[in-house]
């Protein structure tokens, strides 16, 4: 068993230093709310997923031991015991950018990827045993880079492409509707915790788009002058790398940039800076997770380190990853937040 040690920091002062000497795999699990981490990559006694680049993850809200994992070249995997053992599924695509599980029926799964450079969306009605194509892009120039499902009405899904197109379905993929065209790849989609008509879209190294009415009107939050909210610092919503809506508090959004983390309230109309460690500002924040039962507990990652705070960002504990890969995804177990999962990939 590989366990990661931690060092506690406040401000810019480190009280200890640790190094993990054993190489880690592509998937990590914490059983204790982020205090320790273990590599979880086993398929059987002879095979594992340790070299896979993780692009997407989806956890069932019915049974959170069921997790689907999409990779860059190795296809689609599922675990049914909380990452104790993985199973490779027969799936039409080798590269899976987006995954979503129906919140009411976890046998219904959506996945996005490409076949012969043509981006497509597939749907399974039986837990990944069989797949039906429900959408295809008209040309070979884009991929469907993001996907998310409405937790109140699972017939509604939003998708974003590498060309900046944002579109949605309200009938589980039978038909689709254009929403808007962004000025860069759509890398993340996040729903507000209470109002499912409020949706945020992160544009790679760009801005954040927001809809308050389910997509009829789109606002560009990058047009807001946030310098007055963060004491004149040179923060901007035009260098976004990750977003995460607070799972408990409506109207609250966390944003990872290339120089720090911001917290938006009032649906992105007010902003403040999260006091992350100064040394970590040198690297883009690629993944953020918020405890679904305690919004003061924040986790983020950049440059091979996982950072964890229990007090809303005043104090941080760090976990160094001995890996050439970076954390692409951080997710709390929605039913047991002592469990946290991290998917890694080579950037």
Protein backbone atom coordinates (compact mmCIF):
# COMPACT_ATOMS: atom_id res chain seq x y z
CA UNK A 1 0.00 0.00 0.00
CA UNK A 2 1.35 3.43 -0.96
CA UNK A 3 0.51 6.17 1.52
CA UNK A 4 1.35 9.84 1.02
CA UNK A 5 2.70 11.86 3.93
CA UNK A 6 1.63 15.43 4.58
CA UNK A 7 3.18 18.66 5.72
CA UNK A 8 1.20 21.48 7.30
CA UNK A 9 1.67 25.07 6.19
CA UNK A 10 0.26 28.45 7.14
CA UNK A 11 0.96 31.47 4.95
CA UNK A 12 4.33 30.75 3.34
CA UNK A 13 6.03 28.82 6.17
CA UNK A 14 6.56 25.06 5.99
CA UNK A 15 6.80 23.14 9.26
CA UNK A 16 8.13 19.97 7.63
CA UNK A 17 9.15 18.53 4.28
CA UNK A 18 8.34 15.14 2.80
CA UNK A 19 9.15 13.27 -0.38
CA UNK A 20 7.38 10.22 -1.76
CA UNK A 21 10.00 7.85 -3.11
CA UNK A 22 7.74 5.32 -4.82
CA UNK A 23 6.25 6.13 -8.20
CA UNK A 24 2.48 6.49 -8.21
CA UNK A 25 -0.10 5.45 -10.77
CA UNK A 26 -2.85 7.27 -12.59
CA UNK A 27 -5.51 7.12 -9.87
CA UNK A 28 -5.41 7.96 -6.15
CA UNK A 29 -7.87 7.53 -3.30
CA UNK A 30 -7.99 9.07 0.15
CA UNK A 31 -10.01 7.25 2.82
CA UNK A 32 -9.64 9.95 5.47
CA UNK A 33 -10.77 13.21 3.88
CA UNK A 34 -7.48 13.95 2.17
CA UNK A 35 -5.02 13.36 5.01
CA UNK A 36 -3.44 10.36 3.27
CA UNK A 37 -3.55 9.07 -0.31
CA UNK A 38 -3.15 5.63 -1.87
CA UNK A 39 -2.54 4.54 -5.44
CA UNK A 40 -5.52 2.50 -6.72
CA UNK A 41 -4.78 1.07 -10.16
CA UNK A 42 -5.30 -2.71 -9.91
CA UNK A 43 -7.21 -4.66 -12.57
CA UNK A 44 -6.05 -8.13 -11.47
CA UNK A 45 -2.87 -9.77 -10.21
CA UNK A 46 -1.00 -9.08 -13.46
CA UNK A 47 -2.59 -5.92 -14.92
CA UNK A 48 -3.23 -2.36 -13.80
CA UNK A 49 -4.09 1.10 -15.13
CA UNK A 50 -0.99 2.74 -13.72
CA UNK A 51 0.18 4.24 -17.02
CA UNK A 52 -3.19 5.56 -18.18
CA UNK A 53 -3.76 9.31 -18.61
CA UNK A 54 -7.07 10.12 -16.92
CA UNK A 55 -9.30 12.61 -18.76
CA UNK A 56 -12.70 12.13 -17.10
CA UNK A 57 -14.43 10.62 -14.07
CA UNK A 58 -18.03 10.02 -13.00
CA UNK A 59 -19.27 8.72 -9.63
CA UNK A 60 -22.73 7.21 -9.17
CA UNK A 61 -25.04 9.07 -6.79
CA UNK A 62 -26.92 5.81 -6.18
CA UNK A 63 -23.88 3.73 -5.22
CA UNK A 64 -20.70 5.77 -4.88
CA UNK A 65 -18.57 2.62 -5.04
CA UNK A 66 -19.35 2.69 -8.77
CA UNK A 67 -16.92 4.97 -10.60
CA UNK A 68 -16.29 5.29 -14.33
CA UNK A 69 -12.91 6.48 -15.59
CA UNK A 70 -12.19 7.81 -19.09
CA UNK A 71 -8.61 7.77 -20.37
CA UNK A 72 -6.63 9.35 -23.19
CA UNK A 73 -5.60 6.18 -25.04
CA UNK A 74 -6.75 3.20 -22.98
CA UNK A 75 -10.52 3.47 -23.18
CA UNK A 76 -13.12 3.25 -20.43
CA UNK A 77 -12.85 1.58 -17.02
CA UNK A 78 -15.29 0.95 -14.19
CA UNK A 79 -14.88 0.00 -10.54
CA UNK A 80 -17.76 -1.33 -8.46
CA UNK A 81 -15.93 -1.47 -5.13
CA UNK A 82 -14.62 2.06 -4.66
CA UNK A 83 -11.44 1.63 -6.74
CA UNK A 84 -10.38 -1.65 -5.14
CA UNK A 85 -10.33 -3.25 -8.59
CA UNK A 86 -10.93 -1.91 -12.11
CA UNK A 87 -12.61 -3.53 -15.11
CA UNK A 88 -12.11 -2.44 -18.71
CA UNK A 89 -15.36 -1.97 -20.62
CA UNK A 90 -15.93 -2.64 -24.29
CA UNK A 91 -16.42 0.84 -25.69
CA UNK A 92 -16.24 2.30 -29.23
CA UNK A 93 -13.71 5.00 -28.27
CA UNK A 94 -10.16 4.87 -26.93
CA UNK A 95 -10.14 8.53 -25.82
CA UNK A 96 -12.93 9.64 -23.46
CA UNK A 97 -13.09 13.37 -22.68
CA UNK A 98 -16.39 13.47 -20.79
CA UNK A 99 -18.48 11.16 -18.60
CA UNK A 100 -21.84 11.58 -16.87
CA UNK A 101 -24.13 9.23 -14.94
CA UNK A 102 -27.90 9.65 -14.69
CA UNK A 103 -28.63 10.69 -11.11
CA UNK A 104 -31.85 8.67 -10.96
CA UNK A 105 -30.69 5.55 -12.79
CA UNK A 106 -26.96 4.77 -12.68
CA UNK A 107 -27.36 2.23 -15.47
CA UNK A 108 -27.66 5.22 -17.83
CA UNK A 109 -24.23 6.61 -18.74
CA UNK A 110 -23.05 9.23 -21.23
CA UNK A 111 -19.54 9.40 -22.68
CA UNK A 112 -17.82 11.64 -25.23
CA UNK A 113 -14.80 10.98 -27.41
CA UNK A 114 -13.60 10.62 -30.99
CA UNK A 115 -13.60 7.94 -33.68
CA UNK A 116 -11.32 8.58 -36.67
CA UNK A 117 -11.04 12.22 -35.52
CA UNK A 118 -14.84 12.65 -35.47
CA UNK A 119 -16.24 13.70 -32.07
CA UNK A 120 -19.25 11.77 -30.79
CA UNK A 121 -21.46 11.21 -27.75
CA UNK A 122 -22.55 7.73 -26.73
CA UNK A 123 -25.22 6.57 -24.29
CA UNK A 124 -25.55 3.29 -22.41
CA UNK A 125 -28.80 2.09 -20.84
CA UNK A 126 -27.31 -0.97 -19.10
CA UNK A 127 -24.27 0.14 -17.13
CA UNK A 128 -21.83 0.22 -20.01
CA UNK A 129 -22.51 -3.19 -21.56
CA UNK A 130 -23.94 -1.68 -24.75
CA UNK A 131 -23.61 1.80 -26.29
CA UNK A 132 -25.64 3.84 -28.75
CA UNK A 133 -24.35 6.87 -30.62
CA UNK A 134 -26.60 9.87 -29.89
CA UNK A 135 -24.58 12.78 -31.32
CA UNK A 136 -21.78 13.41 -33.81
CA UNK A 137 -19.87 16.53 -34.74
CA UNK A 138 -20.12 17.58 -38.43
CA UNK A 139 -16.35 17.81 -39.02
CA UNK A 140 -13.03 16.47 -37.82
CA UNK A 141 -11.66 19.68 -36.34
CA UNK A 142 -13.11 19.50 -32.81
CA UNK A 143 -13.59 17.23 -29.82
CA UNK A 144 -16.37 17.30 -27.22
CA UNK A 145 -14.16 18.43 -24.39
CA UNK A 146 -16.67 18.71 -21.52
CA UNK A 147 -19.97 17.21 -20.40
CA UNK A 148 -22.20 17.56 -17.33
CA UNK A 149 -25.64 16.36 -16.30
CA UNK A 150 -28.36 18.18 -14.39
CA UNK A 151 -28.81 16.55 -10.98
CA UNK A 152 -32.44 17.70 -10.69
CA UNK A 153 -33.54 16.74 -14.19
CA UNK A 154 -31.25 14.09 -15.65
CA UNK A 155 -32.73 14.53 -19.13
CA UNK A 156 -30.75 17.79 -19.34
CA UNK A 157 -27.06 17.68 -20.29
CA UNK A 158 -24.68 20.43 -21.41
CA UNK A 159 -21.69 19.81 -23.67
CA UNK A 160 -18.76 21.95 -24.80
CA UNK A 161 -16.28 21.48 -27.62
CA UNK A 162 -12.65 22.33 -28.28
CA UNK A 163 -13.92 24.86 -30.85
CA UNK A 164 -15.94 26.68 -28.18
CA UNK A 165 -19.42 25.47 -29.08
CA UNK A 166 -21.80 24.94 -26.15
CA UNK A 167 -24.98 22.91 -26.70
CA UNK A 168 -27.54 21.02 -24.63
CA UNK A 169 -30.22 18.35 -24.67
CA UNK A 170 -33.42 18.36 -22.63
CA UNK A 171 -34.57 14.85 -23.60
CA UNK A 172 -31.62 12.63 -22.75
CA UNK A 173 -29.86 13.03 -26.08
CA UNK A 174 -32.71 12.54 -28.52
CA UNK A 175 -32.31 16.13 -29.74
CA UNK A 176 -29.79 18.95 -29.25
CA UNK A 177 -29.83 22.74 -29.17
CA UNK A 178 -27.04 25.28 -29.66
CA UNK A 179 -26.41 27.63 -26.71
CA UNK A 180 -23.46 29.84 -27.71
CA UNK A 181 -19.98 29.98 -29.22
CA UNK A 182 -17.11 30.73 -26.83
CA UNK A 183 -13.68 32.05 -27.81
CA UNK A 184 -11.81 28.91 -26.76
CA UNK A 185 -12.13 25.26 -25.72
CA UNK A 186 -14.80 24.56 -23.09
CA UNK A 187 -12.93 22.61 -20.42
CA UNK A 188 -15.41 22.46 -17.54
CA UNK A 189 -19.15 22.78 -16.89
CA UNK A 190 -20.54 23.28 -13.38
CA UNK A 191 -24.14 23.55 -12.10
CA UNK A 192 -25.19 25.73 -9.20
CA UNK A 193 -26.06 23.65 -6.13
CA UNK A 194 -29.65 24.89 -5.78
CA UNK A 195 -30.71 26.57 -9.02
CA UNK A 196 -30.21 24.16 -11.90
CA UNK A 197 -30.82 26.89 -14.45
CA UNK A 198 -27.56 28.52 -13.34
CA UNK A 199 -24.66 26.91 -15.21
CA UNK A 200 -20.99 27.99 -15.50
CA UNK A 201 -18.66 27.19 -18.39
CA UNK A 202 -14.87 27.45 -18.05
CA UNK A 203 -13.02 28.41 -21.23
CA UNK A 204 -9.45 27.11 -21.38
CA UNK A 205 -6.96 29.86 -20.46
CA UNK A 206 -9.86 32.22 -21.06
CA UNK A 207 -13.01 33.48 -19.41
CA UNK A 208 -16.02 32.03 -17.59
CA UNK A 209 -19.45 32.08 -19.17
CA UNK A 210 -22.63 31.93 -17.10
CA UNK A 211 -26.27 31.38 -17.81
CA UNK A 212 -28.96 32.20 -15.24
CA UNK A 213 -31.87 30.84 -17.26
CA UNK A 214 -30.82 27.48 -18.65
CA UNK A 215 -28.98 28.84 -21.68
CA UNK A 216 -31.31 31.44 -23.17
CA UNK A 217 -28.98 34.26 -22.14
CA UNK A 218 -25.19 33.99 -21.70
CA UNK A 219 -23.07 36.36 -19.61
CA UNK A 220 -19.28 36.67 -19.87
CA UNK A 221 -17.94 37.02 -16.32
CA UNK A 222 -14.57 38.01 -17.76
CA UNK A 223 -16.06 41.40 -18.54
CA UNK A 224 -16.35 42.13 -14.80
CA UNK A 225 -13.55 44.27 -13.37
CA UNK A 226 -12.66 42.13 -10.37
CA UNK A 227 -9.62 44.18 -9.29
CA UNK A 228 -11.81 46.15 -6.87
CA UNK A 229 -12.82 42.89 -5.16
CA UNK A 230 -9.27 41.53 -4.71
CA UNK A 231 -7.49 44.63 -3.46
CA UNK A 232 -6.16 45.77 -6.80
CA UNK A 233 -4.23 42.58 -7.56
CA UNK A 234 -3.76 41.59 -11.16
CA UNK A 235 -6.33 38.79 -11.09
CA UNK A 236 -8.44 38.21 -14.13
CA UNK A 237 -11.13 35.80 -15.17
CA UNK A 238 -9.37 35.57 -18.53
CA UNK A 239 -6.81 32.97 -17.40
CA UNK A 240 -9.11 30.21 -16.13
CA UNK A 241 -7.94 26.62 -15.74
CA UNK A 242 -10.68 25.10 -13.54
CA UNK A 243 -14.01 25.89 -11.86
CA UNK A 244 -16.13 24.25 -9.16
CA UNK A 245 -19.52 25.40 -7.89
CA UNK A 246 -19.94 25.10 -4.14
CA UNK A 247 -22.04 21.93 -3.59
CA UNK A 248 -23.79 23.39 -0.52
CA UNK A 249 -24.02 27.15 -1.00
CA UNK A 250 -25.97 28.48 -3.96
CA UNK A 251 -24.34 31.29 -5.92
CA UNK A 252 -20.78 30.40 -4.86
CA UNK A 253 -18.14 29.47 -7.43
CA UNK A 254 -14.43 28.67 -7.06
CA UNK A 255 -12.05 29.45 -9.92
CA UNK A 256 -8.52 28.14 -10.43
CA UNK A 257 -6.32 30.45 -12.52
CA UNK A 258 -2.67 30.51 -13.55
CA UNK A 259 -1.82 32.71 -10.56
CA UNK A 260 -4.15 31.73 -7.72
CA UNK A 261 -7.72 30.92 -6.70
CA UNK A 262 -10.80 33.14 -6.60
CA UNK A 263 -14.14 32.70 -4.88
CA UNK A 264 -17.18 34.23 -6.51
CA UNK A 265 -20.44 34.87 -4.68
CA UNK A 266 -23.80 36.27 -5.80
CA UNK A 267 -23.52 34.04 -8.89
CA UNK A 268 -20.21 35.59 -9.94
CA UNK A 269 -21.04 39.24 -9.35
CA UNK A 270 -18.78 39.55 -6.27
CA UNK A 271 -15.27 38.17 -5.86
CA UNK A 272 -12.57 37.58 -3.28
CA UNK A 273 -9.14 35.98 -3.32
CA UNK A 274 -8.51 32.65 -1.59
CA UNK A 275 -5.30 32.81 0.42
CA UNK A 276 -3.45 29.91 -1.15
CA UNK A 277 0.26 29.30 -0.56
CA UNK A 278 2.39 31.85 -2.36
CA UNK A 279 4.70 29.26 -3.94
CA UNK A 280 1.77 27.51 -5.60
CA UNK A 281 0.77 30.68 -7.47
CA UNK A 282 3.52 29.94 -9.99
CA UNK A 283 1.52 27.05 -11.45
CA UNK A 284 -2.01 26.77 -12.89
CA UNK A 285 -4.67 25.28 -10.59
CA UNK A 286 -6.02 22.44 -12.73
CA UNK A 287 -8.40 20.77 -10.26
CA UNK A 288 -10.59 21.94 -7.35
CA UNK A 289 -12.91 19.97 -5.04
CA UNK A 290 -15.22 21.13 -2.23
CA UNK A 291 -16.48 18.83 0.50
CA UNK A 292 -20.21 18.27 -0.25
CA UNK A 293 -21.00 18.35 3.48
CA UNK A 294 -18.59 21.09 4.59
CA UNK A 295 -17.81 24.02 2.31
CA UNK A 296 -14.88 25.11 4.49
CA UNK A 297 -12.95 22.06 3.31
CA UNK A 298 -11.24 22.83 -0.01
CA UNK A 299 -8.78 20.77 -2.03
CA UNK A 300 -6.86 21.88 -5.10
CA UNK A 301 -3.89 20.65 -7.09
CA UNK A 302 -1.15 21.96 -9.32
CA UNK A 303 2.37 20.93 -10.34
CA UNK A 304 2.35 17.53 -8.65
CA UNK A 305 1.07 18.68 -5.26
CA UNK A 306 -2.37 18.34 -3.60
CA UNK A 307 -3.32 21.14 -1.18
CA UNK A 308 -6.03 20.77 1.48
CA UNK A 309 -7.64 23.34 3.78
CA UNK A 310 -10.20 22.76 6.54
CA UNK A 311 -10.83 26.45 7.27
CA UNK A 312 -11.81 27.96 3.94
CA UNK A 313 -8.27 28.60 2.74
CA UNK A 314 -6.45 30.15 5.73
CA UNK A 315 -4.23 27.14 6.48
CA UNK A 316 -3.11 24.42 4.09
CA UNK A 317 -1.68 20.90 4.29
CA UNK A 318 0.29 19.66 1.27
CA UNK A 319 0.79 16.23 -0.29
CA UNK A 320 3.66 15.80 -2.72
CA UNK A 321 3.13 13.39 -5.61
CA UNK A 322 6.21 11.63 -6.92
CA UNK A 323 4.99 11.59 -10.49
CA UNK A 324 5.65 13.18 -13.84
CA UNK A 325 1.88 13.50 -14.18
CA UNK A 326 -0.41 16.17 -12.76
CA UNK A 327 -3.81 15.83 -11.10
CA UNK A 328 -6.45 16.43 -13.76
CA UNK A 329 -9.54 15.68 -11.65
CA UNK A 330 -10.40 15.84 -7.94
CA UNK A 331 -13.76 14.50 -6.72
CA UNK A 332 -15.29 13.87 -3.32
CA UNK A 333 -17.41 10.78 -2.83
CA UNK A 334 -20.91 12.37 -2.89
CA UNK A 335 -22.21 9.96 -0.21
CA UNK A 336 -19.09 9.67 1.97
CA UNK A 337 -16.77 12.70 1.82
CA UNK A 338 -14.06 10.83 3.72
CA UNK A 339 -13.37 9.30 0.32
CA UNK A 340 -11.71 11.57 -2.24
CA UNK A 341 -10.48 10.55 -5.69
CA UNK A 342 -7.78 12.02 -7.92
CA UNK A 343 -7.19 11.24 -11.59
CA UNK A 344 -3.76 12.04 -13.07
CA UNK A 345 -2.49 12.68 -16.58
CA UNK A 346 0.61 13.92 -18.33
CA UNK A 347 0.29 17.62 -19.18
